[in-house]
Amino acid sequence: GFQFRSIDSLISQKPDKIPTYTYTQVNQT
């Protein structure tokens, strides 16, 4: 839906909901 968000609140998102992406040239199959 439509969002009207303060940048402060977007930056303050809960750490447990933040996914982590890693760059590597090795594919861990």
mmCIF file of all heavy atoms, coordinates in Angstrom:
data_MODEL
# 
_entry.id   MODEL 
# 
loop_
_atom_site.group_PDB 
_atom_site.id 
_atom_site.type_symbol 
_atom_site.label_atom_id 
_atom_site.label_alt_id 
_atom_site.label_comp_id 
_atom_site.label_asym_id 
_atom_site.label_entity_id 
_atom_site.label_seq_id 
_atom_site.pdbx_PDB_ins_code 
_atom_site.Cartn_x 
_atom_site.Cartn_y 
_atom_site.Cartn_z 
_atom_site.occupancy 
_atom_site.B_iso_or_equiv 
_atom_site.pdbx_formal_charge 
_atom_site.auth_seq_id 
_atom_site.auth_comp_id 
_atom_site.auth_asym_id 
_atom_site.auth_atom_id 
_atom_site.pdbx_PDB_model_num 
ATOM 1   N N   . GLY A 1 1  ? 0.808  -1.213  0.000  1.00 0.00 ? 1  GLY A N   1 
ATOM 2   C CA  . GLY A 1 1  ? 0.000  0.000   0.000  1.00 0.00 ? 1  GLY A CA  1 
ATOM 3   C C   . GLY A 1 1  ? 0.840  1.260   0.000  1.00 0.00 ? 1  GLY A C   1 
ATOM 4   O O   . GLY A 1 1  ? 2.063  1.225   -0.141 1.00 0.00 ? 1  GLY A O   1 
ATOM 5   N N   . PHE A 1 2  ? 0.154  2.390   0.163  1.00 0.00 ? 2  PHE A N   1 
ATOM 6   C CA  . PHE A 1 2  ? 0.830  3.688   0.151  1.00 0.00 ? 2  PHE A CA  1 
ATOM 7   C C   . PHE A 1 2  ? 1.478  3.948   1.506  1.00 0.00 ? 2  PHE A C   1 
ATOM 8   O O   . PHE A 1 2  ? 0.881  3.716   2.560  1.00 0.00 ? 2  PHE A O   1 
ATOM 9   C CB  . PHE A 1 2  ? -0.152 4.803   -0.197 1.00 0.00 ? 2  PHE A CB  1 
ATOM 10  C CG  . PHE A 1 2  ? -0.581 4.788   -1.631 1.00 0.00 ? 2  PHE A CG  1 
ATOM 11  C CD1 . PHE A 1 2  ? -1.771 4.195   -2.007 1.00 0.00 ? 2  PHE A CD1 1 
ATOM 12  C CD2 . PHE A 1 2  ? 0.224  5.349   -2.621 1.00 0.00 ? 2  PHE A CD2 1 
ATOM 13  C CE1 . PHE A 1 2  ? -2.171 4.174   -3.334 1.00 0.00 ? 2  PHE A CE1 1 
ATOM 14  C CE2 . PHE A 1 2  ? -0.158 5.325   -3.944 1.00 0.00 ? 2  PHE A CE2 1 
ATOM 15  C CZ  . PHE A 1 2  ? -1.349 4.729   -4.308 1.00 0.00 ? 2  PHE A CZ  1 
ATOM 16  N N   . GLN A 1 3  ? 2.707  4.467   1.460  1.00 0.00 ? 3  GLN A N   1 
ATOM 17  C CA  . GLN A 1 3  ? 3.493  4.700   2.665  1.00 0.00 ? 3  GLN A CA  1 
ATOM 18  C C   . GLN A 1 3  ? 3.830  6.191   2.764  1.00 0.00 ? 3  GLN A C   1 
ATOM 19  O O   . GLN A 1 3  ? 4.246  6.807   1.781  1.00 0.00 ? 3  GLN A O   1 
ATOM 20  C CB  . GLN A 1 3  ? 4.797  3.897   2.619  1.00 0.00 ? 3  GLN A CB  1 
ATOM 21  C CG  . GLN A 1 3  ? 4.646  2.459   2.152  1.00 0.00 ? 3  GLN A CG  1 
ATOM 22  C CD  . GLN A 1 3  ? 3.925  1.569   3.141  1.00 0.00 ? 3  GLN A CD  1 
ATOM 23  O OE1 . GLN A 1 3  ? 4.033  1.778   4.352  1.00 0.00 ? 3  GLN A OE1 1 
ATOM 24  N NE2 . GLN A 1 3  ? 3.189  0.578   2.646  1.00 0.00 ? 3  GLN A NE2 1 
ATOM 25  N N   . PHE A 1 4  ? 3.655  6.735   3.973  1.00 0.00 ? 4  PHE A N   1 
ATOM 26  C CA  . PHE A 1 4  ? 4.098  8.097   4.274  1.00 0.00 ? 4  PHE A CA  1 
ATOM 27  C C   . PHE A 1 4  ? 5.008  7.965   5.485  1.00 0.00 ? 4  PHE A C   1 
ATOM 28  O O   . PHE A 1 4  ? 4.558  7.940   6.622  1.00 0.00 ? 4  PHE A O   1 
ATOM 29  C CB  . PHE A 1 4  ? 2.899  9.004   4.560  1.00 0.00 ? 4  PHE A CB  1 
ATOM 30  C CG  . PHE A 1 4  ? 3.255  10.455  4.743  1.00 0.00 ? 4  PHE A CG  1 
ATOM 31  C CD1 . PHE A 1 4  ? 3.611  11.245  3.660  1.00 0.00 ? 4  PHE A CD1 1 
ATOM 32  C CD2 . PHE A 1 4  ? 3.223  11.049  6.000  1.00 0.00 ? 4  PHE A CD2 1 
ATOM 33  C CE1 . PHE A 1 4  ? 3.924  12.587  3.828  1.00 0.00 ? 4  PHE A CE1 1 
ATOM 34  C CE2 . PHE A 1 4  ? 3.533  12.374  6.183  1.00 0.00 ? 4  PHE A CE2 1 
ATOM 35  C CZ  . PHE A 1 4  ? 3.892  13.146  5.086  1.00 0.00 ? 4  PHE A CZ  1 
ATOM 36  N N   . ARG A 1 5  ? 6.319  7.852   5.236  1.00 0.00 ? 5  ARG A N   1 
ATOM 37  C CA  . ARG A 1 5  ? 7.265  7.460   6.270  1.00 0.00 ? 5  ARG A CA  1 
ATOM 38  C C   . ARG A 1 5  ? 8.321  8.529   6.496  1.00 0.00 ? 5  ARG A C   1 
ATOM 39  O O   . ARG A 1 5  ? 8.822  9.147   5.539  1.00 0.00 ? 5  ARG A O   1 
ATOM 40  C CB  . ARG A 1 5  ? 7.971  6.154   5.891  1.00 0.00 ? 5  ARG A CB  1 
ATOM 41  C CG  . ARG A 1 5  ? 7.049  4.973   5.582  1.00 0.00 ? 5  ARG A CG  1 
ATOM 42  C CD  . ARG A 1 5  ? 6.222  4.559   6.780  1.00 0.00 ? 5  ARG A CD  1 
ATOM 43  N NE  . ARG A 1 5  ? 7.033  4.326   7.962  1.00 0.00 ? 5  ARG A NE  1 
ATOM 44  C CZ  . ARG A 1 5  ? 7.662  3.162   8.221  1.00 0.00 ? 5  ARG A CZ  1 
ATOM 45  N NH1 . ARG A 1 5  ? 7.559  2.155   7.355  1.00 0.00 ? 5  ARG A NH1 1 
ATOM 46  N NH2 . ARG A 1 5  ? 8.373  3.025   9.317  1.00 0.00 ? 5  ARG A NH2 1 
ATOM 47  N N   . SER A 1 6  ? 8.663  8.725   7.747  1.00 0.00 ? 6  SER A N   1 
ATOM 48  C CA  . SER A 1 6  ? 9.785  9.599   8.053  1.00 0.00 ? 6  SER A CA  1 
ATOM 49  C C   . SER A 1 6  ? 11.067 8.820   7.825  1.00 0.00 ? 6  SER A C   1 
ATOM 50  O O   . SER A 1 6  ? 11.125 7.605   8.063  1.00 0.00 ? 6  SER A O   1 
ATOM 51  C CB  . SER A 1 6  ? 9.711  10.096  9.495  1.00 0.00 ? 6  SER A CB  1 
ATOM 52  O OG  . SER A 1 6  ? 10.010 9.060   10.409 1.00 0.00 ? 6  SER A OG  1 
ATOM 53  N N   . ILE A 1 7  ? 12.095 9.512   7.368  1.00 0.00 ? 7  ILE A N   1 
ATOM 54  C CA  . ILE A 1 7  ? 13.381 8.849   7.140  1.00 0.00 ? 7  ILE A CA  1 
ATOM 55  C C   . ILE A 1 7  ? 13.937 8.340   8.462  1.00 0.00 ? 7  ILE A C   1 
ATOM 56  O O   . ILE A 1 7  ? 14.570 7.279   8.519  1.00 0.00 ? 7  ILE A O   1 
ATOM 57  C CB  . ILE A 1 7  ? 14.349 9.815   6.436  1.00 0.00 ? 7  ILE A CB  1 
ATOM 58  C CG1 . ILE A 1 7  ? 13.794 10.181  5.055  1.00 0.00 ? 7  ILE A CG1 1 
ATOM 59  C CG2 . ILE A 1 7  ? 15.737 9.192   6.293  1.00 0.00 ? 7  ILE A CG2 1 
ATOM 60  C CD1 . ILE A 1 7  ? 14.597 11.221  4.309  1.00 0.00 ? 7  ILE A CD1 1 
ATOM 61  N N   . ASP A 1 8  ? 13.678 9.075   9.547  1.00 0.00 ? 8  ASP A N   1 
ATOM 62  C CA  . ASP A 1 8  ? 14.096 8.608   10.877 1.00 0.00 ? 8  ASP A CA  1 
ATOM 63  C C   . ASP A 1 8  ? 13.527 7.225   11.190 1.00 0.00 ? 8  ASP A C   1 
ATOM 64  O O   . ASP A 1 8  ? 14.238 6.339   11.666 1.00 0.00 ? 8  ASP A O   1 
ATOM 65  C CB  . ASP A 1 8  ? 13.631 9.595   11.952 1.00 0.00 ? 8  ASP A CB  1 
ATOM 66  C CG  . ASP A 1 8  ? 14.621 10.728  12.168 1.00 0.00 ? 8  ASP A CG  1 
ATOM 67  O OD1 . ASP A 1 8  ? 15.629 10.775  11.433 1.00 0.00 ? 8  ASP A OD1 1 
ATOM 68  O OD2 . ASP A 1 8  ? 14.377 11.579  13.029 1.00 0.00 ? 8  ASP A OD2 1 
ATOM 69  N N   . SER A 1 9  ? 12.238 7.035   10.938 1.00 0.00 ? 9  SER A N   1 
ATOM 70  C CA  . SER A 1 9  ? 11.606 5.757   11.276 1.00 0.00 ? 9  SER A CA  1 
ATOM 71  C C   . SER A 1 9  ? 12.088 4.638   10.361 1.00 0.00 ? 9  SER A C   1 
ATOM 72  O O   . SER A 1 9  ? 12.218 3.494   10.793 1.00 0.00 ? 9  SER A O   1 
ATOM 73  C CB  . SER A 1 9  ? 10.083 5.879   11.196 1.00 0.00 ? 9  SER A CB  1 
ATOM 74  O OG  . SER A 1 9  ? 9.653  6.126   9.872  1.00 0.00 ? 9  SER A OG  1 
ATOM 75  N N   . LEU A 1 10 ? 12.367 4.940   9.105  1.00 0.00 ? 10 LEU A N   1 
ATOM 76  C CA  . LEU A 1 10 ? 12.898 3.919   8.201  1.00 0.00 ? 10 LEU A CA  1 
ATOM 77  C C   . LEU A 1 10 ? 14.275 3.452   8.658  1.00 0.00 ? 10 LEU A C   1 
ATOM 78  O O   . LEU A 1 10 ? 14.597 2.258   8.634  1.00 0.00 ? 10 LEU A O   1 
ATOM 79  C CB  . LEU A 1 10 ? 12.969 4.463   6.768  1.00 0.00 ? 10 LEU A CB  1 
ATOM 80  C CG  . LEU A 1 10 ? 11.634 4.706   6.060  1.00 0.00 ? 10 LEU A CG  1 
ATOM 81  C CD1 . LEU A 1 10 ? 11.869 5.352   4.698  1.00 0.00 ? 10 LEU A CD1 1 
ATOM 82  C CD2 . LEU A 1 10 ? 10.850 3.419   5.905  1.00 0.00 ? 10 LEU A CD2 1 
ATOM 83  N N   . ILE A 1 11 ? 15.110 4.401   9.087  1.00 0.00 ? 11 ILE A N   1 
ATOM 84  C CA  . ILE A 1 11 ? 16.448 4.049   9.545  1.00 0.00 ? 11 ILE A CA  1 
ATOM 85  C C   . ILE A 1 11 ? 16.393 3.269   10.851 1.00 0.00 ? 11 ILE A C   1 
ATOM 86  O O   . ILE A 1 11 ? 17.272 2.442   11.131 1.00 0.00 ? 11 ILE A O   1 
ATOM 87  C CB  . ILE A 1 11 ? 17.303 5.331   9.702  1.00 0.00 ? 11 ILE A CB  1 
ATOM 88  C CG1 . ILE A 1 11 ? 17.621 5.911   8.313  1.00 0.00 ? 11 ILE A CG1 1 
ATOM 89  C CG2 . ILE A 1 11 ? 18.590 5.072   10.465 1.00 0.00 ? 11 ILE A CG2 1 
ATOM 90  C CD1 . ILE A 1 11 ? 18.401 7.202   8.345  1.00 0.00 ? 11 ILE A CD1 1 
ATOM 91  N N   . SER A 1 12 ? 15.333 3.485   11.650 1.00 0.00 ? 12 SER A N   1 
ATOM 92  C CA  . SER A 1 12 ? 15.236 2.860   12.982 1.00 0.00 ? 12 SER A CA  1 
ATOM 93  C C   . SER A 1 12 ? 14.559 1.500   12.942 1.00 0.00 ? 12 SER A C   1 
ATOM 94  O O   . SER A 1 12 ? 14.005 1.059   13.966 1.00 0.00 ? 12 SER A O   1 
ATOM 95  C CB  . SER A 1 12 ? 14.473 3.790   13.924 1.00 0.00 ? 12 SER A CB  1 
ATOM 96  O OG  . SER A 1 12 ? 15.097 5.050   14.010 1.00 0.00 ? 12 SER A OG  1 
ATOM 97  N N   . GLN A 1 13 ? 14.576 0.820   11.812 1.00 0.00 ? 13 GLN A N   1 
ATOM 98  C CA  . GLN A 1 13 ? 13.936 -0.486  11.731 1.00 0.00 ? 13 GLN A CA  1 
ATOM 99  C C   . GLN A 1 13 ? 14.625 -1.485  12.663 1.00 0.00 ? 13 GLN A C   1 
ATOM 100 O O   . GLN A 1 13 ? 15.822 -1.408  12.918 1.00 0.00 ? 13 GLN A O   1 
ATOM 101 C CB  . GLN A 1 13 ? 13.972 -0.998  10.290 1.00 0.00 ? 13 GLN A CB  1 
ATOM 102 C CG  . GLN A 1 13 ? 13.116 -0.171  9.351  1.00 0.00 ? 13 GLN A CG  1 
ATOM 103 C CD  . GLN A 1 13 ? 13.210 -0.620  7.909  1.00 0.00 ? 13 GLN A CD  1 
ATOM 104 O OE1 . GLN A 1 13 ? 13.324 -1.803  7.632  1.00 0.00 ? 13 GLN A OE1 1 
ATOM 105 N NE2 . GLN A 1 13 ? 13.173 0.326   6.975  1.00 0.00 ? 13 GLN A NE2 1 
ATOM 106 N N   . LYS A 1 14 ? 13.846 -2.428  13.172 1.00 0.00 ? 14 LYS A N   1 
ATOM 107 C CA  . LYS A 1 14 ? 14.355 -3.387  14.150 1.00 0.00 ? 14 LYS A CA  1 
ATOM 108 C C   . LYS A 1 14 ? 15.463 -4.260  13.550 1.00 0.00 ? 14 LYS A C   1 
ATOM 109 O O   . LYS A 1 14 ? 15.315 -4.778  12.442 1.00 0.00 ? 14 LYS A O   1 
ATOM 110 C CB  . LYS A 1 14 ? 13.213 -4.267  14.654 1.00 0.00 ? 14 LYS A CB  1 
ATOM 111 C CG  . LYS A 1 14 ? 12.138 -3.500  15.424 1.00 0.00 ? 14 LYS A CG  1 
ATOM 112 C CD  . LYS A 1 14 ? 11.049 -4.417  15.911 1.00 0.00 ? 14 LYS A CD  1 
ATOM 113 C CE  . LYS A 1 14 ? 9.992  -3.641  16.695 1.00 0.00 ? 14 LYS A CE  1 
ATOM 114 N NZ  . LYS A 1 14 ? 8.895  -4.525  17.175 1.00 0.00 ? 14 LYS A NZ  1 
ATOM 115 N N   . PRO A 1 15 ? 16.564 -4.445  14.294 1.00 0.00 ? 15 PRO A N   1 
ATOM 116 C CA  . PRO A 1 15 ? 17.702 -5.230  13.780 1.00 0.00 ? 15 PRO A CA  1 
ATOM 117 C C   . PRO A 1 15 ? 17.341 -6.664  13.398 1.00 0.00 ? 15 PRO A C   1 
ATOM 118 O O   . PRO A 1 15 ? 17.912 -7.209  12.458 1.00 0.00 ? 15 PRO A O   1 
ATOM 119 C CB  . PRO A 1 15 ? 18.695 -5.208  14.956 1.00 0.00 ? 15 PRO A CB  1 
ATOM 120 C CG  . PRO A 1 15 ? 18.336 -3.992  15.738 1.00 0.00 ? 15 PRO A CG  1 
ATOM 121 C CD  . PRO A 1 15 ? 16.846 -3.857  15.608 1.00 0.00 ? 15 PRO A CD  1 
ATOM 122 N N   . ASP A 1 16 ? 16.367 -7.266  14.113 1.00 0.00 ? 16 ASP A N   1 
ATOM 123 C CA  . ASP A 1 16 ? 16.025 -8.663  13.817 1.00 0.00 ? 16 ASP A CA  1 
ATOM 124 C C   . ASP A 1 16 ? 15.278 -8.813  12.497 1.00 0.00 ? 16 ASP A C   1 
ATOM 125 O O   . ASP A 1 16 ? 15.094 -9.930  12.005 1.00 0.00 ? 16 ASP A O   1 
ATOM 126 C CB  . ASP A 1 16 ? 15.200 -9.264  14.953 1.00 0.00 ? 16 ASP A CB  1 
ATOM 127 C CG  . ASP A 1 16 ? 13.906 -8.503  15.216 1.00 0.00 ? 16 ASP A CG  1 
ATOM 128 O OD1 . ASP A 1 16 ? 13.784 -7.355  14.741 1.00 0.00 ? 16 ASP A OD1 1 
ATOM 129 O OD2 . ASP A 1 16 ? 13.017 -9.050  15.882 1.00 0.00 ? 16 ASP A OD2 1 
ATOM 130 N N   . LYS A 1 17 ? 14.840 -7.691  11.912 1.00 0.00 ? 17 LYS A N   1 
ATOM 131 C CA  . LYS A 1 17 ? 14.145 -7.741  10.629 1.00 0.00 ? 17 LYS A CA  1 
ATOM 132 C C   . LYS A 1 17 ? 15.050 -7.322  9.466  1.00 0.00 ? 17 LYS A C   1 
ATOM 133 O O   . LYS A 1 17 ? 14.590 -7.200  8.338  1.00 0.00 ? 17 LYS A O   1 
ATOM 134 C CB  . LYS A 1 17 ? 12.903 -6.849  10.672 1.00 0.00 ? 17 LYS A CB  1 
ATOM 135 C CG  . LYS A 1 17 ? 11.832 -7.329  11.653 1.00 0.00 ? 17 LYS A CG  1 
ATOM 136 C CD  . LYS A 1 17 ? 10.588 -6.472  11.566 1.00 0.00 ? 17 LYS A CD  1 
ATOM 137 C CE  . LYS A 1 17 ? 9.508  -6.995  12.516 1.00 0.00 ? 17 LYS A CE  1 
ATOM 138 N NZ  . LYS A 1 17 ? 8.273  -6.169  12.431 1.00 0.00 ? 17 LYS A NZ  1 
ATOM 139 N N   . ILE A 1 18 ? 16.316 -7.101  9.761  1.00 0.00 ? 18 ILE A N   1 
ATOM 140 C CA  . ILE A 1 18 ? 17.246 -6.648  8.725  1.00 0.00 ? 18 ILE A CA  1 
ATOM 141 C C   . ILE A 1 18 ? 18.009 -7.854  8.167  1.00 0.00 ? 18 ILE A C   1 
ATOM 142 O O   . ILE A 1 18 ? 18.798 -8.478  8.889  1.00 0.00 ? 18 ILE A O   1 
ATOM 143 C CB  . ILE A 1 18 ? 18.229 -5.608  9.302  1.00 0.00 ? 18 ILE A CB  1 
ATOM 144 C CG1 . ILE A 1 18 ? 17.472 -4.352  9.754  1.00 0.00 ? 18 ILE A CG1 1 
ATOM 145 C CG2 . ILE A 1 18 ? 19.283 -5.235  8.269  1.00 0.00 ? 18 ILE A CG2 1 
ATOM 146 C CD1 . ILE A 1 18 ? 18.345 -3.315  10.419 1.00 0.00 ? 18 ILE A CD1 1 
ATOM 147 N N   . PRO A 1 19 ? 17.794 -8.216  6.904  1.00 0.00 ? 19 PRO A N   1 
ATOM 148 C CA  . PRO A 1 19 ? 18.544 -9.338  6.319  1.00 0.00 ? 19 PRO A CA  1 
ATOM 149 C C   . PRO A 1 19 ? 19.983 -8.937  5.997  1.00 0.00 ? 19 PRO A C   1 
ATOM 150 O O   . PRO A 1 19 ? 20.279 -7.763  5.774  1.00 0.00 ? 19 PRO A O   1 
ATOM 151 C CB  . PRO A 1 19 ? 17.759 -9.648  5.044  1.00 0.00 ? 19 PRO A CB  1 
ATOM 152 C CG  . PRO A 1 19 ? 17.132 -8.341  4.664  1.00 0.00 ? 19 PRO A CG  1 
ATOM 153 C CD  . PRO A 1 19 ? 16.836 -7.631  5.957  1.00 0.00 ? 19 PRO A CD  1 
ATOM 154 N N   . THR A 1 20 ? 20.858 -9.907  5.991  1.00 0.00 ? 20 THR A N   1 
ATOM 155 C CA  . THR A 1 20 ? 22.269 -9.665  5.703  1.00 0.00 ? 20 THR A CA  1 
ATOM 156 C C   . THR A 1 20 ? 22.657 -10.348 4.396  1.00 0.00 ? 20 THR A C   1 
ATOM 157 O O   . THR A 1 20 ? 22.417 -11.548 4.216  1.00 0.00 ? 20 THR A O   1 
ATOM 158 C CB  . THR A 1 20 ? 23.158 -10.197 6.846  1.00 0.00 ? 20 THR A CB  1 
ATOM 159 O OG1 . THR A 1 20 ? 22.822 -9.525  8.056  1.00 0.00 ? 20 THR A OG1 1 
ATOM 160 C CG2 . THR A 1 20 ? 24.631 -9.966  6.540  1.00 0.00 ? 20 THR A CG2 1 
ATOM 161 N N   . TYR A 1 21 ? 23.250 -9.581  3.485  1.00 0.00 ? 21 TYR A N   1 
ATOM 162 C CA  . TYR A 1 21 ? 23.732 -10.106 2.210  1.00 0.00 ? 21 TYR A CA  1 
ATOM 163 C C   . TYR A 1 21 ? 25.253 -9.986  2.156  1.00 0.00 ? 21 TYR A C   1 
ATOM 164 O O   . TYR A 1 21 ? 25.818 -8.969  2.580  1.00 0.00 ? 21 TYR A O   1 
ATOM 165 C CB  . TYR A 1 21 ? 23.103 -9.351  1.037  1.00 0.00 ? 21 TYR A CB  1 
ATOM 166 C CG  . TYR A 1 21 ? 21.674 -9.756  0.755  1.00 0.00 ? 21 TYR A CG  1 
ATOM 167 C CD1 . TYR A 1 21 ? 20.618 -9.128  1.391  1.00 0.00 ? 21 TYR A CD1 1 
ATOM 168 C CD2 . TYR A 1 21 ? 21.397 -10.787 -0.137 1.00 0.00 ? 21 TYR A CD2 1 
ATOM 169 C CE1 . TYR A 1 21 ? 19.306 -9.508  1.151  1.00 0.00 ? 21 TYR A CE1 1 
ATOM 170 C CE2 . TYR A 1 21 ? 20.091 -11.176 -0.389 1.00 0.00 ? 21 TYR A CE2 1 
ATOM 171 C CZ  . TYR A 1 21 ? 19.046 -10.537 0.252  1.00 0.00 ? 21 TYR A CZ  1 
ATOM 172 O OH  . TYR A 1 21 ? 17.755 -10.920 0.009  1.00 0.00 ? 21 TYR A OH  1 
ATOM 173 N N   . THR A 1 22 ? 25.895 -11.024 1.644  1.00 0.00 ? 22 THR A N   1 
ATOM 174 C CA  . THR A 1 22 ? 27.358 -11.087 1.616  1.00 0.00 ? 22 THR A CA  1 
ATOM 175 C C   . THR A 1 22 ? 27.845 -11.263 0.191  1.00 0.00 ? 22 THR A C   1 
ATOM 176 O O   . THR A 1 22 ? 27.294 -12.078 -0.568 1.00 0.00 ? 22 THR A O   1 
ATOM 177 C CB  . THR A 1 22 ? 27.868 -12.255 2.484  1.00 0.00 ? 22 THR A CB  1 
ATOM 178 O OG1 . THR A 1 22 ? 27.354 -12.109 3.812  1.00 0.00 ? 22 THR A OG1 1 
ATOM 179 C CG2 . THR A 1 22 ? 29.389 -12.268 2.532  1.00 0.00 ? 22 THR A CG2 1 
ATOM 180 N N   . TYR A 1 23 ? 28.847 -10.499 -0.160 1.00 0.00 ? 23 TYR A N   1 
ATOM 181 C CA  . TYR A 1 23 ? 29.453 -10.645 -1.489 1.00 0.00 ? 23 TYR A CA  1 
ATOM 182 C C   . TYR A 1 23 ? 30.642 -11.588 -1.391 1.00 0.00 ? 23 TYR A C   1 
ATOM 183 O O   . TYR A 1 23 ? 31.542 -11.409 -0.574 1.00 0.00 ? 23 TYR A O   1 
ATOM 184 C CB  . TYR A 1 23 ? 29.915 -9.305  -2.036 1.00 0.00 ? 23 TYR A CB  1 
ATOM 185 C CG  . TYR A 1 23 ? 30.570 -9.422  -3.396 1.00 0.00 ? 23 TYR A CG  1 
ATOM 186 C CD1 . TYR A 1 23 ? 29.805 -9.619  -4.537 1.00 0.00 ? 23 TYR A CD1 1 
ATOM 187 C CD2 . TYR A 1 23 ? 31.956 -9.366  -3.534 1.00 0.00 ? 23 TYR A CD2 1 
ATOM 188 C CE1 . TYR A 1 23 ? 30.382 -9.736  -5.786 1.00 0.00 ? 23 TYR A CE1 1 
ATOM 189 C CE2 . TYR A 1 23 ? 32.554 -9.483  -4.779 1.00 0.00 ? 23 TYR A CE2 1 
ATOM 190 C CZ  . TYR A 1 23 ? 31.761 -9.672  -5.905 1.00 0.00 ? 23 TYR A CZ  1 
ATOM 191 O OH  . TYR A 1 23 ? 32.337 -9.798  -7.135 1.00 0.00 ? 23 TYR A OH  1 
ATOM 192 N N   . THR A 1 24 ? 30.620 -12.611 -2.201 1.00 0.00 ? 24 THR A N   1 
ATOM 193 C CA  . THR A 1 24 ? 31.728 -13.542 -2.295 1.00 0.00 ? 24 THR A CA  1 
ATOM 194 C C   . THR A 1 24 ? 31.780 -14.093 -3.702 1.00 0.00 ? 24 THR A C   1 
ATOM 195 O O   . THR A 1 24 ? 30.746 -14.268 -4.348 1.00 0.00 ? 24 THR A O   1 
ATOM 196 C CB  . THR A 1 24 ? 31.600 -14.697 -1.287 1.00 0.00 ? 24 THR A CB  1 
ATOM 197 O OG1 . THR A 1 24 ? 32.639 -15.645 -1.521 1.00 0.00 ? 24 THR A OG1 1 
ATOM 198 C CG2 . THR A 1 24 ? 30.256 -15.394 -1.421 1.00 0.00 ? 24 THR A CG2 1 
ATOM 199 N N   . GLN A 1 25 ? 32.961 -14.356 -4.160 1.00 0.00 ? 25 GLN A N   1 
ATOM 200 C CA  . GLN A 1 25 ? 33.112 -14.924 -5.501 1.00 0.00 ? 25 GLN A CA  1 
ATOM 201 C C   . GLN A 1 25 ? 33.063 -16.441 -5.483 1.00 0.00 ? 25 GLN A C   1 
ATOM 202 O O   . GLN A 1 25 ? 33.199 -17.088 -6.511 1.00 0.00 ? 25 GLN A O   1 
ATOM 203 C CB  . GLN A 1 25 ? 34.433 -14.445 -6.115 1.00 0.00 ? 25 GLN A CB  1 
ATOM 204 C CG  . GLN A 1 25 ? 34.447 -12.950 -6.382 1.00 0.00 ? 25 GLN A CG  1 
ATOM 205 C CD  . GLN A 1 25 ? 35.744 -12.477 -7.007 1.00 0.00 ? 25 GLN A CD  1 
ATOM 206 O OE1 . GLN A 1 25 ? 36.783 -13.090 -6.838 1.00 0.00 ? 25 GLN A OE1 1 
ATOM 207 N NE2 . GLN A 1 25 ? 35.685 -11.377 -7.730 1.00 0.00 ? 25 GLN A NE2 1 
ATOM 208 N N   . VAL A 1 26 ? 32.856 -17.009 -4.284 1.00 0.00 ? 26 VAL A N   1 
ATOM 209 C CA  . VAL A 1 26 ? 32.753 -18.461 -4.139 1.00 0.00 ? 26 VAL A CA  1 
ATOM 210 C C   . VAL A 1 26 ? 31.316 -18.818 -3.845 1.00 0.00 ? 26 VAL A C   1 
ATOM 211 O O   . VAL A 1 26 ? 30.724 -18.312 -2.894 1.00 0.00 ? 26 VAL A O   1 
ATOM 212 C CB  . VAL A 1 26 ? 33.663 -18.980 -2.994 1.00 0.00 ? 26 VAL A CB  1 
ATOM 213 C CG1 . VAL A 1 26 ? 33.513 -20.493 -2.850 1.00 0.00 ? 26 VAL A CG1 1 
ATOM 214 C CG2 . VAL A 1 26 ? 35.112 -18.601 -3.268 1.00 0.00 ? 26 VAL A CG2 1 
ATOM 215 N N   . ASN A 1 27 ? 30.711 -19.679 -4.655 1.00 0.00 ? 27 ASN A N   1 
ATOM 216 C CA  . ASN A 1 27 ? 29.330 -20.101 -4.464 1.00 0.00 ? 27 ASN A CA  1 
ATOM 217 C C   . ASN A 1 27 ? 29.299 -21.288 -3.512 1.00 0.00 ? 27 ASN A C   1 
ATOM 218 O O   . ASN A 1 27 ? 29.761 -22.377 -3.846 1.00 0.00 ? 27 ASN A O   1 
ATOM 219 C CB  . ASN A 1 27 ? 28.713 -20.478 -5.811 1.00 0.00 ? 27 ASN A CB  1 
ATOM 220 C CG  . ASN A 1 27 ? 27.223 -20.780 -5.676 1.00 0.00 ? 27 ASN A CG  1 
ATOM 221 O OD1 . ASN A 1 27 ? 26.653 -20.661 -4.606 1.00 0.00 ? 27 ASN A OD1 1 
ATOM 222 N ND2 . ASN A 1 27 ? 26.615 -21.184 -6.777 1.00 0.00 ? 27 ASN A ND2 1 
ATOM 223 N N   . GLN A 1 28 ? 28.770 -21.072 -2.299 1.00 0.00 ? 28 GLN A N   1 
ATOM 224 C CA  . GLN A 1 28 ? 28.723 -22.127 -1.312 1.00 0.00 ? 28 GLN A CA  1 
ATOM 225 C C   . GLN A 1 28 ? 27.515 -23.008 -1.588 1.00 0.00 ? 28 GLN A C   1 
ATOM 226 O O   . GLN A 1 28 ? 26.458 -22.866 -0.998 1.00 0.00 ? 28 GLN A O   1 
ATOM 227 C CB  . GLN A 1 28 ? 28.662 -21.522 0.094  1.00 0.00 ? 28 GLN A CB  1 
ATOM 228 C CG  . GLN A 1 28 ? 29.846 -20.607 0.402  1.00 0.00 ? 28 GLN A CG  1 
ATOM 229 C CD  . GLN A 1 28 ? 29.739 -19.980 1.766  1.00 0.00 ? 28 GLN A CD  1 
ATOM 230 O OE1 . GLN A 1 28 ? 29.195 -20.586 2.681  1.00 0.00 ? 28 GLN A OE1 1 
ATOM 231 N NE2 . GLN A 1 28 ? 30.263 -18.775 1.907  1.00 0.00 ? 28 GLN A NE2 1 
ATOM 232 N N   . THR A 1 29 ? 27.685 -23.958 -2.503 1.00 0.00 ? 29 THR A N   1 
ATOM 233 C CA  . THR A 1 29 ? 26.576 -24.761 -2.985 1.00 0.00 ? 29 THR A CA  1 
ATOM 234 C C   . THR A 1 29 ? 25.982 -25.665 -1.920 1.00 0.00 ? 29 THR A C   1 
ATOM 235 O O   . THR A 1 29 ? 24.856 -26.109 -2.038 1.00 0.00 ? 29 THR A O   1 
ATOM 236 C CB  . THR A 1 29 ? 27.036 -25.628 -4.167 1.00 0.00 ? 29 THR A CB  1 
ATOM 237 O OG1 . THR A 1 29 ? 28.181 -26.397 -3.752 1.00 0.00 ? 29 THR A OG1 1 
ATOM 238 C CG2 . THR A 1 29 ? 27.437 -24.769 -5.347 1.00 0.00 ? 29 THR A CG2 1 
# 
